[in-house]
Protein backbone atom coordinates (compact mmCIF):
# COMPACT_ATOMS: atom_id res chain seq x y z
CA MET A 1 0.00 0.00 0.00
CA THR A 2 1.43 3.38 -1.03
CA LEU A 3 1.33 6.00 1.71
CA PRO A 4 -0.03 9.45 0.81
CA LEU A 5 2.59 11.90 -0.42
CA PHE A 6 1.99 14.36 2.44
CA TYR A 7 2.62 11.57 4.96
CA ARG A 8 5.87 10.54 3.30
CA GLU A 9 7.09 14.13 3.09
CA THR A 10 6.25 14.79 6.75
CA LEU A 11 8.02 11.60 7.82
CA ALA A 12 11.12 12.57 5.83
CA HIS A 13 11.17 16.03 7.41
CA ALA A 14 10.74 14.54 10.89
CA ARG A 15 13.71 12.23 10.37
CA SER A 16 15.90 15.16 9.34
CA ASN A 17 14.86 17.39 12.26
CA ARG A 18 14.21 15.62 15.54
CA LEU A 19 13.31 18.77 17.47
CA TRP A 20 10.67 19.63 14.88
CA ALA A 21 9.40 16.03 14.99
CA ALA A 22 8.89 16.25 18.76
CA ALA A 23 7.08 19.58 18.39
CA PHE A 24 4.82 18.18 15.67
CA LEU A 25 3.95 15.17 17.82
CA LEU A 26 3.00 17.45 20.72
CA THR A 27 0.94 19.58 18.32
CA ALA A 28 -0.97 16.53 17.10
CA LEU A 29 -1.69 15.53 20.71
CA ILE A 30 -3.30 18.85 21.70
CA PRO A 31 -6.77 18.20 20.17
CA PHE A 32 -6.89 14.83 21.96
CA MET A 33 -5.69 16.41 25.20
CA ILE A 34 -8.40 19.08 24.95
CA ILE A 35 -10.91 16.23 25.24
CA PHE A 36 -9.21 13.84 27.63
CA ALA A 37 -6.58 15.66 29.72
CA ARG A 38 -6.65 19.37 30.50
CA VAL A 39 -3.23 19.23 32.16
CA GLY A 40 -1.91 17.46 29.07
CA PHE A 41 -2.70 20.25 26.63
CA GLU A 42 -1.12 22.79 29.00
CA ILE A 43 2.06 20.72 29.04
CA CYS A 44 2.04 20.27 25.25
CA ALA A 45 1.45 23.97 24.58
CA GLY A 46 4.18 24.99 27.00
CA LEU A 47 6.73 22.56 25.57
CA ILE A 48 5.97 23.64 21.99
CA GLY A 49 6.67 27.26 22.95
CA LEU A 50 9.94 26.38 24.68
CA MET A 51 11.06 24.27 21.71
CA PHE A 52 10.27 27.15 19.38
CA LEU A 53 12.35 29.54 21.46
CA TRP A 54 15.24 27.07 21.42
CA HIS A 55 14.87 26.66 17.65
CA SER A 56 14.92 30.43 17.20
CA PHE A 57 17.98 30.74 19.44
CA SER A 58 19.92 27.91 17.83
CA THR A 59 19.19 29.10 14.27
CA HIS A 60 19.47 32.83 15.09
CA ASN A 61 16.09 33.23 13.43
CA TRP A 62 13.98 35.76 15.32
CA GLY A 63 12.23 37.20 12.28
CA TRP A 64 8.83 36.11 13.60
CA LEU A 65 9.10 38.83 16.27
CA ARG A 66 8.60 41.40 13.52
CA ASP A 67 5.25 39.90 12.56
CA PRO A 68 2.46 42.41 13.40
CA ILE A 69 0.49 39.76 15.30
CA ALA A 70 3.50 39.00 17.50
CA VAL A 71 4.10 42.72 18.10
CA VAL A 72 0.51 43.36 19.24
CA CYS A 73 0.57 40.27 21.48
CA LEU A 74 3.77 41.47 23.15
CA VAL A 75 2.27 44.93 23.67
CA LEU A 76 -0.82 43.37 25.28
CA TRP A 77 1.35 41.18 27.51
CA ALA A 78 3.48 44.15 28.55
CA TRP A 79 0.30 46.10 29.39
CA MET A 80 -0.83 43.25 31.65
CA LEU A 81 2.49 43.04 33.48
CA VAL A 82 3.48 46.71 33.70
CA VAL A 83 0.10 48.36 34.35
CA VAL A 84 -2.82 45.98 34.91
CA GLN A 85 -1.44 43.69 37.60
CA PRO A 86 0.45 46.29 39.65
CA LEU A 87 -2.75 48.39 39.84
CA ALA A 88 -5.15 45.46 40.21
CA VAL A 89 -7.56 45.35 43.13
CA SER A 90 -5.77 42.20 44.37
CA PRO A 91 -2.35 42.53 42.68
CA SER A 92 -0.80 39.44 44.29
CA ALA A 93 -3.64 37.04 43.51
CA ARG A 94 -3.30 36.53 39.74
CA TRP A 95 0.26 37.42 38.79
CA MET A 96 0.94 33.92 37.46
CA GLU A 97 -2.04 34.09 35.08
CA ALA A 98 -0.73 37.35 33.64
CA ILE A 99 2.85 36.09 33.34
CA ALA A 100 1.86 32.75 31.82
CA TRP A 101 -0.60 34.24 29.29
CA ILE A 102 2.19 34.67 26.73
CA ARG A 103 2.28 30.88 26.31
CA PHE A 104 -0.82 31.08 24.10
CA PRO A 105 0.55 33.61 21.54
CA LEU A 106 3.91 31.82 21.68
CA MET A 107 2.23 28.54 20.73
CA PHE A 108 0.44 30.39 17.91
CA MET A 109 3.77 31.72 16.58
CA ALA A 110 5.45 28.34 16.95
CA LEU A 111 2.78 26.58 14.91
CA ARG A 112 2.50 29.29 12.29
CA PHE A 113 6.17 29.96 11.65
CA TRP A 114 7.78 26.60 12.43
CA VAL A 115 5.76 23.46 13.12
CA LEU A 116 3.04 23.97 10.51
CA ALA A 117 5.10 26.01 8.07
CA VAL A 118 5.71 22.65 6.33
CA PRO A 119 2.67 22.18 3.99
CA SER A 120 2.69 18.40 4.14
CA ALA A 121 2.72 18.47 7.95
CA ARG A 122 -0.19 20.86 7.95
CA THR A 123 -2.21 18.55 5.70
CA LEU A 124 -1.32 15.54 7.84
CA LEU A 125 -2.33 17.30 11.05
CA ALA A 126 -5.63 18.46 9.53
CA SER A 127 -6.35 14.89 8.39
CA ILE A 128 -5.67 13.51 11.87
CA VAL A 129 -7.89 16.10 13.55
CA ALA A 130 -10.60 15.57 10.90
CA LEU A 131 -10.74 11.87 11.84
CA LEU A 132 -10.97 12.83 15.51
CA LEU A 133 -13.85 15.21 14.76
CA VAL A 134 -15.71 12.48 12.87
CA VAL A 135 -15.36 10.13 15.86
CA VAL A 136 -16.63 12.85 18.22
CA MET A 137 -19.53 13.57 15.84
CA VAL A 138 -20.53 9.88 15.82
CA ASP A 139 -20.31 9.89 19.62
CA CYS A 140 -22.73 12.83 19.75
CA TRP A 141 -25.28 11.21 17.45
CA TRP A 142 -25.10 7.98 19.46
CA GLN A 143 -25.78 9.98 22.61
CA LEU A 144 -28.70 11.75 20.88
CA LEU A 145 -30.26 8.45 19.82
CA THR A 146 -29.59 6.34 22.92
CA GLY A 147 -29.20 8.84 25.76
CA THR A 148 -25.60 7.86 26.54
CA SER A 149 -22.49 8.56 24.49
CA LEU A 150 -20.11 5.83 23.41
CA SER A 151 -17.63 7.37 25.85
CA GLY A 152 -20.09 6.70 28.69
CA TYR A 153 -21.53 10.14 29.42
CA PRO A 154 -25.31 10.49 29.76
CA ARG A 155 -27.25 13.28 28.10
CA THR A 156 -27.73 16.21 30.48
CA VAL A 157 -30.96 16.79 32.38
CA GLN A 158 -31.66 19.75 30.09
CA GLY A 159 -31.22 17.46 27.06
CA ARG A 160 -27.95 18.95 25.82
CA LEU A 161 -25.29 16.67 24.36
CA THR A 162 -21.80 16.28 25.81
CA GLY A 163 -20.20 13.67 23.53
CA PRO A 164 -16.85 12.66 25.07
CA PHE A 165 -16.88 15.61 27.51
CA ASP A 166 -18.29 15.61 31.04
CA TYR A 167 -20.42 18.73 30.47
CA PRO A 168 -21.85 20.57 27.42
CA LYS A 169 -19.03 22.01 25.33
CA VAL A 170 -18.77 19.51 22.50
CA GLY A 171 -20.55 21.92 20.14
CA LEU A 172 -17.88 24.57 20.63
CA PHE A 173 -15.16 21.95 20.14
CA LEU A 174 -16.64 20.60 16.91
CA GLY A 175 -17.61 23.97 15.48
CA LYS A 176 -14.36 25.80 16.15
CA PHE A 177 -12.14 22.96 14.94
CA ALA A 178 -14.27 22.10 11.88
CA VAL A 179 -13.71 25.44 10.12
CA PRO A 180 -9.88 25.42 9.90
CA VAL A 181 -9.54 21.63 9.67
CA PHE A 182 -11.98 21.03 6.83
CA ALA A 183 -10.90 24.18 4.98
CA ILE A 184 -7.36 22.78 4.86
CA CYS A 185 -8.55 19.28 3.94
CA VAL A 186 -10.89 20.51 1.19
CA ALA A 187 -8.22 22.84 -0.24
CA ALA A 188 -5.63 20.03 -0.21
CA ALA A 189 -8.05 17.65 -1.96
CA ALA A 190 -8.89 20.26 -4.60
CA MET A 191 -5.22 21.05 -5.30
CA ALA A 192 -4.46 17.32 -5.57
CA GLY A 193 -7.38 16.78 -7.95
CA ALA A 194 -9.00 14.29 -5.53
CA ARG A 195 -12.62 15.01 -6.39
CA ARG A 196 -14.10 12.32 -4.15
CA TRP A 197 -12.19 13.57 -1.11
CA LEU A 198 -13.19 17.12 -1.96
CA ILE A 199 -16.91 16.29 -2.10
CA GLY A 200 -16.61 14.10 1.01
CA GLY A 201 -14.91 16.92 2.93
CA VAL A 202 -17.67 19.38 2.06
CA ILE A 203 -20.38 16.90 3.07
CA VAL A 204 -18.73 16.11 6.42
CA TRP A 205 -18.25 19.85 7.03
CA ALA A 206 -22.01 20.34 6.56
CA LEU A 207 -22.72 17.40 8.89
CA MET A 208 -20.50 19.03 11.51
CA VAL A 209 -22.64 22.17 11.39
CA LEU A 210 -25.77 20.05 11.77
CA THR A 211 -24.24 18.17 14.70
CA VAL A 212 -23.40 21.43 16.46
CA LEU A 213 -27.06 22.40 16.10
CA MET A 214 -28.21 19.10 17.62
CA THR A 215 -25.91 19.49 20.64
CA GLY A 216 -28.16 22.31 21.84
CA GLU A 217 -25.35 24.86 22.06
CA ARG A 218 -26.99 27.89 20.48
CA SER A 219 -23.97 30.21 20.41
CA ALA A 220 -21.76 27.45 19.02
CA PHE A 221 -24.20 26.79 16.18
CA LEU A 222 -24.69 30.46 15.40
CA ILE A 223 -20.98 31.28 15.10
CA THR A 224 -20.21 28.06 13.18
CA ALA A 225 -23.03 28.65 10.68
CA MET A 226 -22.01 32.30 10.41
CA ALA A 227 -18.35 31.43 9.75
CA THR A 228 -19.36 28.89 7.11
CA ALA A 229 -21.67 31.44 5.44
CA VAL A 230 -18.94 34.10 5.42
CA ILE A 231 -16.48 31.66 3.84
CA ALA A 232 -19.01 30.72 1.16
CA ALA A 233 -19.78 34.40 0.47
CA LEU A 234 -16.09 35.25 0.09
CA MET A 235 -15.58 32.27 -2.21
CA MET A 236 -18.47 33.43 -4.38
CA LEU A 237 -16.91 36.87 -4.70
CA ARG A 238 -13.74 35.40 -6.19
CA GLU A 239 -15.00 32.30 -7.98
CA LYS A 240 -18.02 32.98 -10.21
CA ARG A 241 -18.52 29.27 -10.95
CA LEU A 242 -19.26 28.69 -7.25
CA ARG A 243 -22.06 31.25 -7.01
CA VAL A 244 -24.93 29.07 -8.19
CA PRO A 245 -23.90 25.98 -6.15
CA CYS A 246 -23.39 28.09 -3.02
CA ILE A 247 -26.75 29.85 -3.43
CA ILE A 248 -28.50 26.51 -3.94
CA ALA A 249 -26.72 25.06 -0.89
CA ALA A 250 -27.74 28.10 1.18
CA LEU A 251 -31.40 27.77 0.15
CA VAL A 252 -31.39 24.05 0.90
CA GLY A 253 -29.76 24.75 4.27
CA VAL A 254 -32.29 27.41 5.26
CA MET A 255 -35.23 25.24 4.20
CA GLY A 256 -33.74 22.31 6.08
CA LEU A 257 -33.40 24.38 9.25
CA VAL A 258 -37.00 25.59 8.97
CA ALA A 259 -38.21 22.03 8.46
CA LEU A 260 -36.09 20.79 11.37
CA TYR A 261 -37.47 23.52 13.61
CA HIS A 262 -41.06 22.44 12.93
CA ALA A 263 -40.35 18.69 12.98
CA ASN A 264 -37.93 18.33 15.92
CA PRO A 265 -39.13 19.38 19.40
CA TRP A 266 -35.56 19.54 20.73
CA VAL A 267 -34.41 21.98 18.05
CA ARG A 268 -37.57 24.04 18.49
CA GLN A 269 -37.10 24.17 22.27
CA ARG A 270 -33.51 25.41 22.03
CA ALA A 271 -34.36 27.95 19.32
CA ASP A 272 -37.27 29.33 21.35
CA MET A 273 -35.06 29.58 24.43
CA GLY A 274 -32.49 31.48 22.39
CA TYR A 275 -35.13 33.90 21.15
CA GLU A 276 -36.38 34.38 24.72
CA THR A 277 -32.85 35.15 25.92
CA ILE A 278 -32.31 37.74 23.17
CA SER A 279 -35.73 39.32 23.77
CA ASN A 280 -35.08 39.68 27.51
CA TYR A 281 -31.31 40.04 27.44
CA ARG A 282 -30.95 42.33 30.45
CA GLN A 283 -32.90 39.90 32.64
CA SER A 284 -31.04 36.81 31.40
CA ASP A 285 -27.94 35.19 32.92
CA TYR A 286 -25.81 36.45 30.03
CA GLY A 287 -27.19 39.95 30.45
CA ALA A 288 -26.50 40.00 34.19
CA LEU A 289 -22.89 38.97 33.63
CA ALA A 290 -22.41 41.48 30.81
CA ILE A 291 -23.81 44.36 32.84
CA SER A 292 -21.59 43.38 35.74
CA ALA A 293 -18.51 43.38 33.49
CA TYR A 294 -19.43 46.76 32.02
CA ASP A 295 -19.84 48.28 35.49
CA ILE A 296 -16.48 46.91 36.61
CA GLY A 297 -14.81 48.27 33.48
CA MET A 298 -16.36 51.69 33.98
CA ALA A 299 -15.12 51.70 37.57
CA HIS A 300 -11.57 50.85 36.46
CA LYS A 301 -11.36 52.38 32.98
CA LEU A 302 -7.61 52.92 32.80
CA HIS A 303 -6.23 49.64 34.10
CA GLY A 304 -9.10 47.25 34.83
CA GLY A 305 -9.51 45.09 37.88
CA GLY A 306 -6.71 42.65 37.07
CA ILE A 307 -6.47 39.41 35.10
CA ARG A 308 -9.11 36.96 36.37
CA GLY A 309 -10.27 39.80 38.61
CA TYR A 310 -13.84 39.68 37.37
CA ARG A 311 -14.77 36.71 39.52
CA GLY A 312 -13.78 38.61 42.65
CA LEU A 313 -15.18 41.99 41.69
CA SER A 314 -18.53 41.01 40.19
CA PRO A 315 -21.16 41.98 42.80
CA ASP A 316 -23.30 39.25 44.31
CA LEU A 317 -26.34 41.13 43.04
CA TYR A 318 -25.43 40.28 39.46
CA TYR A 319 -24.33 36.69 39.47
CA LYS A 320 -25.51 34.87 42.57
CA GLN A 321 -28.58 33.56 40.75
CA THR A 322 -26.94 32.83 37.40
CA MET A 323 -25.81 29.44 36.17
CA PHE A 324 -22.29 30.81 35.48
CA ARG A 325 -21.45 31.93 39.04
CA GLY A 326 -19.64 35.01 37.77
CA LEU A 327 -16.40 33.28 36.77
CA HIS A 328 -16.20 35.41 33.60
CA PRO A 329 -18.64 37.58 31.60
CA HIS A 330 -18.97 35.15 28.67
CA ASN A 331 -17.90 37.97 26.36
CA ALA A 332 -14.20 38.39 25.58
CA PHE A 333 -14.52 42.12 24.89
CA LEU A 334 -16.31 42.89 28.14
CA GLU A 335 -13.93 40.58 29.99
CA MET A 336 -10.94 42.51 28.65
CA PHE A 337 -12.60 45.83 29.47
CA ALA A 338 -13.34 44.73 33.04
CA GLU A 339 -9.96 43.12 33.70
CA ALA A 340 -7.49 45.15 31.59
CA GLY A 341 -9.28 48.47 31.16
CA LEU A 342 -10.03 50.44 28.02
CA PRO A 343 -6.41 50.34 26.75
CA GLY A 344 -6.38 46.54 27.08
CA LEU A 345 -9.65 46.34 25.15
CA LEU A 346 -8.25 48.58 22.38
CA ILE A 347 -5.10 46.43 22.12
CA MET A 348 -7.25 43.30 21.83
CA ILE A 349 -9.30 44.93 19.07
CA ALA A 350 -6.03 45.90 17.35
CA LEU A 351 -4.98 42.22 17.49
CA ILE A 352 -8.20 41.16 15.77
CA VAL A 353 -7.82 43.93 13.16
CA VAL A 354 -4.23 42.88 12.39
CA MET A 355 -5.27 39.26 11.97
CA GLY A 356 -8.24 40.23 9.80
CA ARG A 357 -6.07 42.51 7.67
CA ASN A 358 -3.58 39.68 7.14
CA ALA A 359 -6.39 37.34 6.06
CA MET A 360 -7.88 39.91 3.67
CA GLN A 361 -4.48 40.73 2.12
CA GLN A 362 -3.89 37.07 1.36
CA PHE A 363 -7.48 36.67 0.15
CA ARG A 364 -6.93 39.37 -2.48
CA MET A 365 -3.64 37.81 -3.63
CA ALA A 366 -4.70 34.13 -3.61
CA ARG A 367 -5.62 32.35 -6.82
CA GLY A 368 -7.93 29.43 -7.52
CA VAL A 369 -8.78 27.07 -4.69
CA GLU A 370 -6.17 28.70 -2.43
CA VAL A 371 -8.74 31.48 -1.90
CA LEU A 372 -10.51 29.10 0.49
CA LEU A 373 -7.71 29.30 3.07
CA PRO A 374 -7.64 33.07 3.77
CA ALA A 375 -11.44 33.08 3.51
CA ALA A 376 -11.51 30.42 6.22
CA ALA A 377 -9.05 32.46 8.31
CA PHE A 378 -11.41 35.43 8.16
CA GLY A 379 -14.37 33.16 8.97
CA ALA A 380 -12.51 31.70 11.95
CA LEU A 381 -11.88 35.21 13.31
CA ILE A 382 -15.60 35.96 13.14
CA GLN A 383 -16.32 32.62 14.76
CA HIS A 384 -14.03 33.27 17.72
CA PHE A 385 -14.62 36.99 18.22
CA PHE A 386 -18.18 37.78 17.11
CA PRO A 387 -19.24 40.01 20.03
CA LEU A 388 -23.01 39.49 20.00
CA VAL A 389 -23.06 35.88 21.19
CA GLY A 390 -22.11 34.26 24.47
CA MET A 391 -18.41 33.38 24.37
CA GLN A 392 -15.95 31.69 26.64
CA SER A 393 -13.19 33.42 28.56
CA PHE A 394 -10.18 34.91 26.75
CA PHE A 395 -7.98 33.75 29.64
CA SER A 396 -9.57 30.39 30.52
CA ASN A 397 -7.19 27.51 29.74
CA TRP A 398 -9.55 25.27 27.75
CA ALA A 399 -11.07 28.10 25.73
CA ALA A 400 -7.77 29.90 25.17
CA VAL A 401 -5.91 26.82 23.89
CA ASN A 402 -8.88 26.07 21.63
CA LEU A 403 -8.85 29.62 20.26
CA TRP A 404 -5.10 29.99 19.68
CA PHE A 405 -4.67 26.45 18.31
CA CYS A 406 -7.49 26.77 15.77
CA LEU A 407 -6.34 30.22 14.62
CA ALA A 408 -2.74 29.00 14.34
CA LEU A 409 -3.86 26.06 12.22
CA ILE A 410 -5.68 28.17 9.63
CA PHE A 411 -3.27 31.14 9.68
CA SER A 412 -0.34 28.80 9.11
CA ALA A 413 -2.04 27.78 5.86
CA ILE A 414 -1.97 31.28 4.35
CA PRO A 415 1.29 32.85 3.13
CA THR A 416 3.23 35.35 5.20
CA ARG A 417 6.27 37.49 4.52
CA VAL A 418 8.32 36.08 7.43
CA ARG A 419 8.98 32.36 7.80
CA SER A 420 11.34 30.40 10.04
CA ASN A 421 13.48 27.88 8.21
C-alpha cells in the first residue's frame, strides 16, 4: 500500500529534524488532550513554545518577532504586566495568570512559523484532527439516539449533548475545529485533484454544522453557521462558478433548518429559548454577567480590575442567581474591558484587526482554490470573536488553547512574509 505523499514528506522532514518532529507530535496531541486531559494540553502547549524559542535561538532566526500579530501580542502582555497587575484590586492574587498568558501567543507563533510552516505536515495534522472530529460527531449522534455517548456520558438533564466531555461544550469543540480543519482538507483535496475527497470533505463539514445544532449549544451553532456562510460568500466573490452551487446550498440549508425547527421538538425548544434570551437580554444570565462586566470596566477604565479579577469583583447582586457563578462575563470584549481596562480592550481589538487585515491581504492575492484558506481564516476570526453571542473566557485555559490552536492552524495555511526555516 502506497502512503499518501503528504505523509511521506512529513516523515522525511521529521527524520531530518528531531526537534521539529517532537514539536509536531506534541501539536498533534493537543486536540486529543483538549478532550481527555486538561493538564496534558497545557504541558504540550508549554513545551511547543519552549522548543520554538530554542529553535529560534539555535538558528538565530527571530524574524517572527517582527510579525504584526507578534508585536501586538507582546504589547498586550506588557500592558498586563506593567500596568494591569500592579494596579489590580488584588495585585498578588493573579500574577501567574498574567505572566503565563504569553504561552498562548507563543504557541500560535510556533505553529504558524515553524511546526506547521511545512505544507505536508499541515495537511497531515488536519487529516488527523478531521478523523478525531468524525469520531466525536458519531459519539454525539449515538448519545442523541440512545441517551448515553459511546464514551459513557449520559445526556444532560436539560437534554444537551456532551459527547466525550463531562459537560456541554462539544458543540464549541466541533464547530471551532471544523472550520480550519476542513478548509485545509478541502483545499488540499482540490489542489491534488482528488474530487471524491473534496466532495466528502464538504459533506462532512455540513454534517459538523448540523451536529453542532443538535448538541443544543446555540452560540456554538450560530458562530459556526455564520463562519461557514462568510467563507461561502467570500468564495463566491472570487469564484463565479461557485455562485450558483453556493446559493442553492444556502437555500437548501435554510429550508432544512426551517423544516427541522417544525419537525424536531428539541431543536424548536432550544431555538425558542435562544429567542427568549435575546428578547429579555438584560434579565437573562448572560445579560446579568455582561452588565456586571461593564460596570467593573467603567469603575476601572484605565487599568481594569486585574487578570481573572472579574470573579472577585462582580457583585453578588449580578451573578448569585446565574448558572455561570460570575467566573467570567462570557464575552471576551467585556472581559478585557473589566480586567485590563479600556487600553487593554483597544489592544485586543487591534490584534483582531491585524489578523483580519492579514487574512484579507492574502485573500486578495490568492488564486484558484487557495482562496478558500484566507477566507476560512477570516471566517474563523468571526467565529471566535463575534461580540453578539455568548463566548468563553479569553484567559480560561480550555477556551484559550482552543482559540489559539485553531487560529494558528488556519493562519499557518496562508502565506506570510516572514517564515522560520
